[in-house]
Amino acid sequence: MMNFIDALFQYGFLQKALTTSIMVGIICGVIGCFIILRGMALMGDAISHAVLPGVALSYLLGINFFFGAVFTGILTALGIGFISQNSRIKNDVSIGIMFTAAFASGIILITFMKSSTDLYHILFGNVLAVRPSEMWSTLFIGILVLVCVYVFYKELLVSSFDPTMAAAYGLPTRVIHYFLMTLLTLVTVASLQTVGIILVVAMLITPASTAYLLTNRLWVMLYLSAGIGVLASILGLYFSYTYNLASGATIVLAATVLFVLAFVFSPKQGLMWRAIKSLRKRVMYSRIKLDRED
């Protein structure tokens, strides 16, 4: 650990990697809460894969991948909504159709790319090679996403827990849905360099699911999820640098370990505490039974 801390003060690339990882952990944790509360984990997976053709096209055109990724991500979200609303096809089926088509298109475009290294970084991320421009774009996206969540917190809260009530209050639930999809696309693009396209859904879902096991209040869940995302990013970056492992994979595994700990030891939802409560009930029932027999 001391070697890692010393390296942080010596190497600029590690400082940029840590800063970017922390920002990604925060924004993925916050947006992930709304994704899992709405039961949209598959949509998160779809958007993360749907940005691939935009990224590949941006590389081919020599422009910043941000623009292509955002365009294809939003286009896919709109396409999913259009298909499910104008046909008998259900939402989960339209998600499967659109995101596989987008991902396949991205693979075709990647065949025209000259470097396989770029493909590896797109798919799996490499936060240790993050550039200053990518760090600043991640910071800008992070601030924008957090400000949007803060400003529209009540609308997101009501529409996430009870869409029917939100519609009865006159809230534009469809607009809110696509607004959240836009934020999800931005977060996905910001996370590409850190964990890559394939693993970004894990950073959206795992910290939020861990926080969901620990509290019943949304605002607490948001803070916990962001904190868990930050902790997973720091731990993953430490193991990645120390043992020369893939950064995206180690960050995701760190988040998974935290989820397992919460799954087992959570005060209300953990397996251990539920087993203890069940054992206490059995003991009480046995005592009551013995007292009645006496």
C-alpha atoms as a PDB file:
ATOM      1  CA  MET A   1       0.000   0.000   0.000  1.00  0.00           C
ATOM      2  CA  MET A   2       2.824   2.445   0.847  1.00  0.00           C
ATOM      3  CA  ASN A   3       4.411   1.811  -2.559  1.00  0.00           C
ATOM      4  CA  PHE A   4       1.108   2.716  -4.214  1.00  0.00           C
ATOM      5  CA  ILE A   5       0.792   5.918  -2.152  1.00  0.00           C
ATOM      6  CA  ASP A   6       4.389   6.881  -2.941  1.00  0.00           C
ATOM      7  CA  ALA A   7       3.728   6.270  -6.630  1.00  0.00           C
ATOM      8  CA  LEU A   8       0.713   8.585  -6.486  1.00  0.00           C
ATOM      9  CA  PHE A   9       2.969  11.486  -5.540  1.00  0.00           C
ATOM     10  CA  GLN A  10       5.567  10.597  -8.167  1.00  0.00           C
ATOM     11  CA  TYR A  11       3.627   9.683 -11.313  1.00  0.00           C
ATOM     12  CA  GLY A  12       1.213  12.023 -13.019  1.00  0.00           C
ATOM     13  CA  PHE A  13      -0.467   9.241 -14.993  1.00  0.00           C
ATOM     14  CA  LEU A  14      -1.444   7.518 -11.738  1.00  0.00           C
ATOM     15  CA  GLN A  15      -2.888  10.739 -10.354  1.00  0.00           C
ATOM     16  CA  LYS A  16      -5.011  11.192 -13.484  1.00  0.00           C
ATOM     17  CA  ALA A  17      -6.083   7.551 -13.298  1.00  0.00           C
ATOM     18  CA  LEU A  18      -7.161   7.870  -9.657  1.00  0.00           C
ATOM     19  CA  THR A  19      -9.030  11.129 -10.272  1.00  0.00           C
ATOM     20  CA  THR A  20     -10.858   9.700 -13.276  1.00  0.00           C
ATOM     21  CA  SER A  21     -11.699   6.449 -11.467  1.00  0.00           C
ATOM     22  CA  ILE A  22     -13.169   8.319  -8.493  1.00  0.00           C
ATOM     23  CA  MET A  23     -15.317  10.498 -10.752  1.00  0.00           C
ATOM     24  CA  VAL A  24     -16.570   7.451 -12.646  1.00  0.00           C
ATOM     25  CA  GLY A  25     -17.344   5.657  -9.381  1.00  0.00           C
ATOM     26  CA  ILE A  26     -19.469   8.593  -8.215  1.00  0.00           C
ATOM     27  CA  ILE A  27     -21.524   9.174 -11.348  1.00  0.00           C
ATOM     28  CA  CYS A  28     -22.025   5.457 -12.072  1.00  0.00           C
ATOM     29  CA  GLY A  29     -23.157   4.927  -8.497  1.00  0.00           C
ATOM     30  CA  VAL A  30     -25.669   7.792  -8.630  1.00  0.00           C
ATOM     31  CA  ILE A  31     -27.232   6.968 -12.008  1.00  0.00           C
ATOM     32  CA  GLY A  32     -27.143   3.247 -11.210  1.00  0.00           C
ATOM     33  CA  CYS A  33     -29.570   3.795  -8.312  1.00  0.00           C
ATOM     34  CA  PHE A  34     -32.294   5.021 -10.657  1.00  0.00           C
ATOM     35  CA  ILE A  35     -31.505   2.269 -13.156  1.00  0.00           C
ATOM     36  CA  ILE A  36     -32.047  -0.570 -10.690  1.00  0.00           C
ATOM     37  CA  LEU A  37     -35.071   1.054  -9.025  1.00  0.00           C
ATOM     38  CA  ARG A  38     -36.743   1.257 -12.428  1.00  0.00           C
ATOM     39  CA  GLY A  39     -35.783  -2.328 -13.272  1.00  0.00           C
ATOM     40  CA  MET A  40     -33.732  -1.113 -16.246  1.00  0.00           C
ATOM     41  CA  ALA A  41     -30.536  -3.100 -15.785  1.00  0.00           C
ATOM     42  CA  LEU A  42     -30.929  -4.543 -19.284  1.00  0.00           C
ATOM     43  CA  MET A  43     -31.308  -1.025 -20.658  1.00  0.00           C
ATOM     44  CA  GLY A  44     -28.029  -0.071 -18.998  1.00  0.00           C
ATOM     45  CA  ASP A  45     -26.377  -3.031 -20.666  1.00  0.00           C
ATOM     46  CA  ALA A  46     -27.939  -2.053 -23.991  1.00  0.00           C
ATOM     47  CA  ILE A  47     -26.744   1.555 -23.884  1.00  0.00           C
ATOM     48  CA  SER A  48     -23.238   0.521 -22.850  1.00  0.00           C
ATOM     49  CA  HIS A  49     -22.979  -1.772 -25.875  1.00  0.00           C
ATOM     50  CA  ALA A  50     -24.788   0.613 -28.205  1.00  0.00           C
ATOM     51  CA  VAL A  51     -22.068   3.272 -27.969  1.00  0.00           C
ATOM     52  CA  LEU A  52     -19.544   0.947 -29.659  1.00  0.00           C
ATOM     53  CA  PRO A  53     -20.395   1.919 -33.274  1.00  0.00           C
ATOM     54  CA  GLY A  54     -20.221   5.583 -32.327  1.00  0.00           C
ATOM     55  CA  VAL A  55     -16.808   5.116 -30.729  1.00  0.00           C
ATOM     56  CA  ALA A  56     -15.496   3.137 -33.698  1.00  0.00           C
ATOM     57  CA  LEU A  57     -16.854   5.690 -36.188  1.00  0.00           C
ATOM     58  CA  SER A  58     -15.249   8.516 -34.217  1.00  0.00           C
ATOM     59  CA  TYR A  59     -11.878   6.754 -34.344  1.00  0.00           C
ATOM     60  CA  LEU A  60     -12.202   6.268 -38.094  1.00  0.00           C
ATOM     61  CA  LEU A  61     -13.116   9.928 -38.644  1.00  0.00           C
ATOM     62  CA  GLY A  62     -10.403  11.154 -36.301  1.00  0.00           C
ATOM     63  CA  ILE A  63     -12.776  13.017 -33.950  1.00  0.00           C
ATOM     64  CA  ASN A  64     -13.351  12.790 -30.217  1.00  0.00           C
ATOM     65  CA  PHE A  65     -15.205   9.538 -29.431  1.00  0.00           C
ATOM     66  CA  PHE A  66     -17.513  11.476 -27.085  1.00  0.00           C
ATOM     67  CA  PHE A  67     -19.645  12.800 -29.936  1.00  0.00           C
ATOM     68  CA  GLY A  68     -20.100   9.513 -31.755  1.00  0.00           C
ATOM     69  CA  ALA A  69     -20.770   7.550 -28.572  1.00  0.00           C
ATOM     70  CA  VAL A  70     -23.410   9.978 -27.287  1.00  0.00           C
ATOM     71  CA  PHE A  71     -25.113  10.079 -30.683  1.00  0.00           C
ATOM     72  CA  THR A  72     -25.416   6.294 -31.087  1.00  0.00           C
ATOM     73  CA  GLY A  73     -26.348   5.796 -27.418  1.00  0.00           C
ATOM     74  CA  ILE A  74     -29.232   8.269 -27.578  1.00  0.00           C
ATOM     75  CA  LEU A  75     -30.266   6.989 -31.015  1.00  0.00           C
ATOM     76  CA  THR A  76     -30.461   3.434 -29.645  1.00  0.00           C
ATOM     77  CA  ALA A  77     -32.529   4.554 -26.635  1.00  0.00           C
ATOM     78  CA  LEU A  78     -34.964   6.342 -28.959  1.00  0.00           C
ATOM     79  CA  GLY A  79     -35.104   3.313 -31.242  1.00  0.00           C
ATOM     80  CA  ILE A  80     -35.923   0.986 -28.350  1.00  0.00           C
ATOM     81  CA  GLY A  81     -38.767   3.260 -27.233  1.00  0.00           C
ATOM     82  CA  PHE A  82     -40.107   3.661 -30.763  1.00  0.00           C
ATOM     83  CA  ILE A  83     -40.221  -0.096 -31.429  1.00  0.00           C
ATOM     84  CA  SER A  84     -41.878  -0.983 -28.102  1.00  0.00           C
ATOM     85  CA  GLN A  85     -44.463   1.807 -28.414  1.00  0.00           C
ATOM     86  CA  ASN A  86     -45.415   1.187 -32.049  1.00  0.00           C
ATOM     87  CA  SER A  87     -45.577  -2.595 -32.219  1.00  0.00           C
ATOM     88  CA  ARG A  88     -46.523  -5.696 -30.259  1.00  0.00           C
ATOM     89  CA  ILE A  89     -42.862  -6.181 -29.352  1.00  0.00           C
ATOM     90  CA  LYS A  90     -42.266  -5.794 -25.632  1.00  0.00           C
ATOM     91  CA  ASN A  91     -39.639  -3.486 -24.190  1.00  0.00           C
ATOM     92  CA  ASP A  92     -37.115  -6.158 -23.196  1.00  0.00           C
ATOM     93  CA  VAL A  93     -37.305  -7.719 -26.655  1.00  0.00           C
ATOM     94  CA  SER A  94     -36.800  -4.380 -28.404  1.00  0.00           C
ATOM     95  CA  ILE A  95     -33.797  -3.776 -26.137  1.00  0.00           C
ATOM     96  CA  GLY A  96     -32.288  -7.090 -27.217  1.00  0.00           C
ATOM     97  CA  ILE A  97     -32.864  -6.313 -30.893  1.00  0.00           C
ATOM     98  CA  MET A  98     -31.443  -2.801 -30.842  1.00  0.00           C
ATOM     99  CA  PHE A  99     -28.389  -3.292 -28.659  1.00  0.00           C
ATOM    100  CA  THR A 100     -27.228  -6.432 -30.486  1.00  0.00           C
ATOM    101  CA  ALA A 101     -27.677  -4.662 -33.828  1.00  0.00           C
ATOM    102  CA  ALA A 102     -25.704  -1.661 -32.572  1.00  0.00           C
ATOM    103  CA  PHE A 103     -22.964  -3.847 -31.113  1.00  0.00           C
ATOM    104  CA  ALA A 104     -22.714  -5.859 -34.335  1.00  0.00           C
ATOM    105  CA  SER A 105     -22.449  -2.607 -36.317  1.00  0.00           C
ATOM    106  CA  GLY A 106     -19.637  -1.519 -34.038  1.00  0.00           C
ATOM    107  CA  ILE A 107     -17.758  -4.767 -34.609  1.00  0.00           C
ATOM    108  CA  ILE A 108     -18.056  -4.292 -38.375  1.00  0.00           C
ATOM    109  CA  LEU A 109     -16.676  -0.757 -38.102  1.00  0.00           C
ATOM    110  CA  ILE A 110     -13.837  -1.948 -35.868  1.00  0.00           C
ATOM    111  CA  THR A 111     -12.617  -4.251 -38.632  1.00  0.00           C
ATOM    112  CA  PHE A 112     -11.615  -1.096 -40.510  1.00  0.00           C
ATOM    113  CA  MET A 113      -9.482   0.113 -37.608  1.00  0.00           C
ATOM    114  CA  LYS A 114      -5.750  -0.483 -37.914  1.00  0.00           C
ATOM    115  CA  SER A 115      -4.875  -0.928 -34.236  1.00  0.00           C
ATOM    116  CA  SER A 116      -6.119  -3.807 -32.105  1.00  0.00           C
ATOM    117  CA  THR A 117      -4.857  -1.915 -29.030  1.00  0.00           C
ATOM    118  CA  ASP A 118      -7.570   0.703 -29.501  1.00  0.00           C
ATOM    119  CA  LEU A 119     -10.169  -2.073 -29.662  1.00  0.00           C
ATOM    120  CA  TYR A 120      -8.896  -3.580 -26.398  1.00  0.00           C
ATOM    121  CA  HIS A 121      -9.089  -0.209 -24.657  1.00  0.00           C
ATOM    122  CA  ILE A 122     -12.599   0.434 -25.988  1.00  0.00           C
ATOM    123  CA  LEU A 123     -13.914  -2.921 -24.806  1.00  0.00           C
ATOM    124  CA  PHE A 124     -12.108  -3.303 -21.481  1.00  0.00           C
ATOM    125  CA  GLY A 125     -10.788   0.147 -20.580  1.00  0.00           C
ATOM    126  CA  ASN A 126      -7.329   1.250 -19.505  1.00  0.00           C
ATOM    127  CA  VAL A 127      -7.549   3.966 -16.882  1.00  0.00           C
ATOM    128  CA  LEU A 128      -3.766   3.982 -16.385  1.00  0.00           C
ATOM    129  CA  ALA A 129      -3.446   5.389 -19.911  1.00  0.00           C
ATOM    130  CA  VAL A 130      -6.082   8.109 -19.500  1.00  0.00           C
ATOM    131  CA  ARG A 131      -5.197  11.410 -21.156  1.00  0.00           C
ATOM    132  CA  PRO A 132      -5.742  14.869 -19.609  1.00  0.00           C
ATOM    133  CA  SER A 133      -8.475  15.679 -22.154  1.00  0.00           C
ATOM    134  CA  GLU A 134     -10.359  12.507 -21.210  1.00  0.00           C
ATOM    135  CA  MET A 135     -10.009  13.303 -17.513  1.00  0.00           C
ATOM    136  CA  TRP A 136     -11.443  16.783 -18.014  1.00  0.00           C
ATOM    137  CA  SER A 137     -14.295  15.499 -20.180  1.00  0.00           C
ATOM    138  CA  THR A 138     -15.134  12.972 -17.460  1.00  0.00           C
ATOM    139  CA  LEU A 139     -15.146  15.791 -14.895  1.00  0.00           C
ATOM    140  CA  PHE A 140     -17.427  17.914 -17.095  1.00  0.00           C
ATOM    141  CA  ILE A 141     -19.850  15.023 -17.662  1.00  0.00           C
ATOM    142  CA  GLY A 142     -19.794  14.178 -13.954  1.00  0.00           C
ATOM    143  CA  ILE A 143     -20.682  17.720 -12.903  1.00  0.00           C
ATOM    144  CA  LEU A 144     -23.425  17.924 -15.537  1.00  0.00           C
ATOM    145  CA  VAL A 145     -24.967  14.602 -14.468  1.00  0.00           C
ATOM    146  CA  LEU A 146     -24.860  15.417 -10.751  1.00  0.00           C
ATOM    147  CA  VAL A 147     -26.396  18.859 -11.302  1.00  0.00           C
ATOM    148  CA  CYS A 148     -29.207  17.328 -13.377  1.00  0.00           C
ATOM    149  CA  VAL A 149     -29.933  14.730 -10.694  1.00  0.00           C
ATOM    150  CA  TYR A 150     -29.961  17.431  -8.003  1.00  0.00           C
ATOM    151  CA  VAL A 151     -32.281  19.743  -9.960  1.00  0.00           C
ATOM    152  CA  PHE A 152     -34.724  17.024 -11.040  1.00  0.00           C
ATOM    153  CA  TYR A 153     -34.431  14.815  -7.953  1.00  0.00           C
ATOM    154  CA  LYS A 154     -38.134  14.948  -7.038  1.00  0.00           C
ATOM    155  CA  GLU A 155     -39.261  14.101 -10.559  1.00  0.00           C
ATOM    156  CA  LEU A 156     -36.828  11.191 -10.773  1.00  0.00           C
ATOM    157  CA  LEU A 157     -37.861  10.017  -7.295  1.00  0.00           C
ATOM    158  CA  VAL A 158     -41.606   9.930  -7.985  1.00  0.00           C
ATOM    159  CA  SER A 159     -41.334   8.466 -11.483  1.00  0.00           C
ATOM    160  CA  SER A 160     -38.915   5.760 -10.308  1.00  0.00           C
ATOM    161  CA  PHE A 161     -41.081   4.478  -7.447  1.00  0.00           C
ATOM    162  CA  ASP A 162     -44.569   5.032  -8.886  1.00  0.00           C
ATOM    163  CA  PRO A 163     -44.860   5.963 -12.584  1.00  0.00           C
ATOM    164  CA  THR A 164     -48.660   5.883 -12.385  1.00  0.00           C
ATOM    165  CA  MET A 165     -48.714   8.448  -9.595  1.00  0.00           C
ATOM    166  CA  ALA A 166     -46.175  10.553 -11.450  1.00  0.00           C
ATOM    167  CA  ALA A 167     -48.420  10.574 -14.526  1.00  0.00           C
ATOM    168  CA  ALA A 168     -51.439  11.436 -12.337  1.00  0.00           C
ATOM    169  CA  TYR A 169     -49.538  14.438 -10.979  1.00  0.00           C
ATOM    170  CA  GLY A 170     -48.970  15.592 -14.535  1.00  0.00           C
ATOM    171  CA  LEU A 171     -45.290  14.730 -14.747  1.00  0.00           C
ATOM    172  CA  PRO A 172     -44.100  13.931 -18.282  1.00  0.00           C
ATOM    173  CA  THR A 173     -42.969  10.381 -17.509  1.00  0.00           C
ATOM    174  CA  ARG A 174     -41.881   9.645 -21.082  1.00  0.00           C
ATOM    175  CA  VAL A 175     -39.730  12.779 -21.189  1.00  0.00           C
ATOM    176  CA  ILE A 176     -38.230  11.867 -17.816  1.00  0.00           C
ATOM    177  CA  HIS A 177     -37.462   8.379 -19.134  1.00  0.00           C
ATOM    178  CA  TYR A 178     -35.553   9.687 -22.151  1.00  0.00           C
ATOM    179  CA  PHE A 179     -33.881  12.314 -19.990  1.00  0.00           C
ATOM    180  CA  LEU A 180     -32.568   9.521 -17.765  1.00  0.00           C
ATOM    181  CA  MET A 181     -31.465   7.588 -20.854  1.00  0.00           C
ATOM    182  CA  THR A 182     -29.478  10.633 -21.966  1.00  0.00           C
ATOM    183  CA  LEU A 183     -27.779  10.832 -18.569  1.00  0.00           C
ATOM    184  CA  LEU A 184     -27.090   7.091 -18.749  1.00  0.00           C
ATOM    185  CA  THR A 185     -25.459   7.546 -22.156  1.00  0.00           C
ATOM    186  CA  LEU A 186     -23.265  10.366 -20.848  1.00  0.00           C
ATOM    187  CA  VAL A 187     -22.178   8.275 -17.854  1.00  0.00           C
ATOM    188  CA  THR A 188     -21.412   5.332 -20.137  1.00  0.00           C
ATOM    189  CA  VAL A 189     -19.239   7.513 -22.363  1.00  0.00           C
ATOM    190  CA  ALA A 190     -17.438   8.933 -19.316  1.00  0.00           C
ATOM    191  CA  SER A 191     -16.709   5.385 -18.097  1.00  0.00           C
ATOM    192  CA  LEU A 192     -15.281   3.997 -21.334  1.00  0.00           C
ATOM    193  CA  GLN A 193     -11.656   4.781 -20.563  1.00  0.00           C
ATOM    194  CA  THR A 194     -11.943   3.417 -17.014  1.00  0.00           C
ATOM    195  CA  VAL A 195     -13.780   0.104 -17.333  1.00  0.00           C
ATOM    196  CA  GLY A 196     -14.626  -0.162 -21.038  1.00  0.00           C
ATOM    197  CA  ILE A 197     -17.858  -0.912 -22.853  1.00  0.00           C
ATOM    198  CA  ILE A 198     -18.249  -4.503 -21.678  1.00  0.00           C
ATOM    199  CA  LEU A 199     -17.757  -3.828 -17.959  1.00  0.00           C
ATOM    200  CA  VAL A 200     -19.411  -0.424 -17.570  1.00  0.00           C
ATOM    201  CA  VAL A 201     -22.783  -1.996 -16.775  1.00  0.00           C
ATOM    202  CA  ALA A 202     -21.184  -3.615 -13.721  1.00  0.00           C
ATOM    203  CA  MET A 203     -20.200  -0.196 -12.337  1.00  0.00           C
ATOM    204  CA  LEU A 204     -23.741   1.011 -12.943  1.00  0.00           C
ATOM    205  CA  ILE A 205     -25.447  -1.937 -11.287  1.00  0.00           C
ATOM    206  CA  THR A 206     -23.142  -3.395  -8.610  1.00  0.00           C
ATOM    207  CA  PRO A 207     -22.507  -0.354  -6.343  1.00  0.00           C
ATOM    208  CA  ALA A 208     -26.184   0.649  -6.557  1.00  0.00           C
ATOM    209  CA  SER A 209     -27.308  -2.899  -5.739  1.00  0.00           C
ATOM    210  CA  THR A 210     -24.932  -2.969  -2.772  1.00  0.00           C
ATOM    211  CA  ALA A 211     -26.378   0.292  -1.464  1.00  0.00           C
ATOM    212  CA  TYR A 212     -29.897  -1.041  -2.038  1.00  0.00           C
ATOM    213  CA  LEU A 213     -29.174  -3.847   0.429  1.00  0.00           C
ATOM    214  CA  LEU A 214     -28.102  -1.341   3.077  1.00  0.00           C
ATOM    215  CA  THR A 215     -30.895   1.248   3.123  1.00  0.00           C
ATOM    216  CA  ASN A 216     -34.518   1.937   2.207  1.00  0.00           C
ATOM    217  CA  ARG A 217     -34.112   5.679   1.578  1.00  0.00           C
ATOM    218  CA  LEU A 218     -33.189   6.931  -1.863  1.00  0.00           C
ATOM    219  CA  TRP A 219     -31.041   9.874  -0.807  1.00  0.00           C
ATOM    220  CA  VAL A 220     -29.030   7.605   1.512  1.00  0.00           C
ATOM    221  CA  MET A 221     -28.797   5.039  -1.269  1.00  0.00           C
ATOM    222  CA  LEU A 222     -27.363   7.664  -3.634  1.00  0.00           C
ATOM    223  CA  TYR A 223     -24.605   8.617  -1.195  1.00  0.00           C
ATOM    224  CA  LEU A 224     -23.826   4.997  -0.323  1.00  0.00           C
ATOM    225  CA  SER A 225     -23.733   3.928  -3.953  1.00  0.00           C
ATOM    226  CA  ALA A 226     -21.402   6.787  -4.881  1.00  0.00           C
ATOM    227  CA  GLY A 227     -19.158   5.961  -1.908  1.00  0.00           C
ATOM    228  CA  ILE A 228     -19.070   2.269  -2.793  1.00  0.00           C
ATOM    229  CA  GLY A 229     -18.233   3.158  -6.385  1.00  0.00           C
ATOM    230  CA  VAL A 230     -15.354   5.343  -5.201  1.00  0.00           C
ATOM    231  CA  LEU A 231     -14.054   2.669  -2.829  1.00  0.00           C
ATOM    232  CA  ALA A 232     -14.229   0.009  -5.562  1.00  0.00           C
ATOM    233  CA  SER A 233     -12.386   2.315  -7.958  1.00  0.00           C
ATOM    234  CA  ILE A 234      -9.589   2.995  -5.481  1.00  0.00           C
ATOM    235  CA  LEU A 235      -9.192  -0.653  -4.515  1.00  0.00           C
ATOM    236  CA  GLY A 236      -9.331  -1.785  -8.136  1.00  0.00           C
ATOM    237  CA  LEU A 237      -6.761   0.785  -9.208  1.00  0.00           C
ATOM    238  CA  TYR A 238      -4.473  -0.251  -6.347  1.00  0.00           C
ATOM    239  CA  PHE A 239      -4.525  -3.927  -7.324  1.00  0.00           C
ATOM    240  CA  SER A 240      -4.271  -3.047 -11.015  1.00  0.00           C
ATOM    241  CA  TYR A 241      -1.125  -0.966 -10.515  1.00  0.00           C
ATOM    242  CA  THR A 242       0.479  -3.192  -7.868  1.00  0.00           C
ATOM    243  CA  TYR A 243      -0.010  -6.543  -9.604  1.00  0.00           C
ATOM    244  CA  ASN A 244      -0.113  -5.367 -13.248  1.00  0.00           C
ATOM    245  CA  LEU A 245      -3.725  -6.420 -13.818  1.00  0.00           C
ATOM    246  CA  ALA A 246      -6.400  -5.063 -16.145  1.00  0.00           C
ATOM    247  CA  SER A 247      -7.752  -1.920 -14.492  1.00  0.00           C
ATOM    248  CA  GLY A 248     -11.380  -2.281 -15.565  1.00  0.00           C
ATOM    249  CA  ALA A 249     -11.616  -5.888 -14.453  1.00  0.00           C
ATOM    250  CA  THR A 250     -10.037  -5.250 -11.035  1.00  0.00           C
ATOM    251  CA  ILE A 251     -12.359  -2.298 -10.363  1.00  0.00           C
ATOM    252  CA  VAL A 252     -15.401  -4.407 -11.220  1.00  0.00           C
ATOM    253  CA  LEU A 253     -14.179  -7.313  -9.070  1.00  0.00           C
ATOM    254  CA  ALA A 254     -13.599  -4.936  -6.153  1.00  0.00           C
ATOM    255  CA  ALA A 255     -17.193  -3.730  -6.497  1.00  0.00           C
ATOM    256  CA  THR A 256     -18.375  -7.346  -6.621  1.00  0.00           C
ATOM    257  CA  VAL A 257     -16.506  -8.212  -3.407  1.00  0.00           C
ATOM    258  CA  LEU A 258     -18.196  -5.256  -1.664  1.00  0.00           C
ATOM    259  CA  PHE A 259     -21.561  -6.494  -2.904  1.00  0.00           C
ATOM    260  CA  VAL A 260     -20.902  -9.998  -1.558  1.00  0.00           C
ATOM    261  CA  LEU A 261     -19.974  -8.547   1.844  1.00  0.00           C
ATOM    262  CA  ALA A 262     -23.222  -6.556   1.934  1.00  0.00           C
ATOM    263  CA  PHE A 263     -25.189  -9.565   0.701  1.00  0.00           C
ATOM    264  CA  VAL A 264     -23.895 -11.639   3.612  1.00  0.00           C
ATOM    265  CA  PHE A 265     -23.533  -9.080   6.419  1.00  0.00           C
ATOM    266  CA  SER A 266     -26.146  -6.392   5.671  1.00  0.00           C
ATOM    267  CA  PRO A 267     -28.028  -5.576   8.928  1.00  0.00           C
ATOM    268  CA  LYS A 268     -31.496  -6.071   7.422  1.00  0.00           C
ATOM    269  CA  GLN A 269     -31.054  -7.976   4.165  1.00  0.00           C
ATOM    270  CA  GLY A 270     -27.863  -9.970   4.798  1.00  0.00           C
ATOM    271  CA  LEU A 271     -27.869 -13.752   4.800  1.00  0.00           C
ATOM    272  CA  MET A 272     -26.111 -13.948   8.159  1.00  0.00           C
ATOM    273  CA  TRP A 273     -28.495 -11.636   9.969  1.00  0.00           C
ATOM    274  CA  ARG A 274     -31.534 -13.320   8.453  1.00  0.00           C
ATOM    275  CA  ALA A 275     -30.156 -16.660   9.596  1.00  0.00           C
ATOM    276  CA  ILE A 276     -29.664 -15.243  13.108  1.00  0.00           C
ATOM    277  CA  LYS A 277     -33.221 -13.872  13.171  1.00  0.00           C
ATOM    278  CA  SER A 278     -34.573 -17.197  11.960  1.00  0.00           C
ATOM    279  CA  LEU A 279     -32.598 -19.018  14.662  1.00  0.00           C
ATOM    280  CA  ARG A 280     -33.915 -16.646  17.340  1.00  0.00           C
ATOM    281  CA  LYS A 281     -37.482 -17.264  16.227  1.00  0.00           C
ATOM    282  CA  ARG A 282     -36.951 -21.011  16.399  1.00  0.00           C
ATOM    283  CA  VAL A 283     -35.469 -20.734  19.879  1.00  0.00           C
ATOM    284  CA  MET A 284     -38.363 -18.565  21.063  1.00  0.00           C
ATOM    285  CA  TYR A 285     -40.879 -20.963  19.521  1.00  0.00           C
ATOM    286  CA  SER A 286     -39.170 -23.896  21.232  1.00  0.00           C
ATOM    287  CA  ARG A 287     -39.241 -22.124  24.599  1.00  0.00           C
ATOM    288  CA  ILE A 288     -42.918 -21.236  24.214  1.00  0.00           C
ATOM    289  CA  LYS A 289     -43.665 -24.840  23.282  1.00  0.00           C
ATOM    290  CA  LEU A 290     -41.764 -26.153  26.314  1.00  0.00           C
ATOM    291  CA  ASP A 291     -43.543 -23.692  28.629  1.00  0.00           C
ATOM    292  CA  ARG A 292     -46.929 -24.841  27.331  1.00  0.00           C
ATOM    293  CA  GLU A 293     -46.015 -28.499  27.832  1.00  0.00           C
ATOM    294  CA  ASP A 294     -44.945 -27.782  31.437  1.00  0.00           C
END
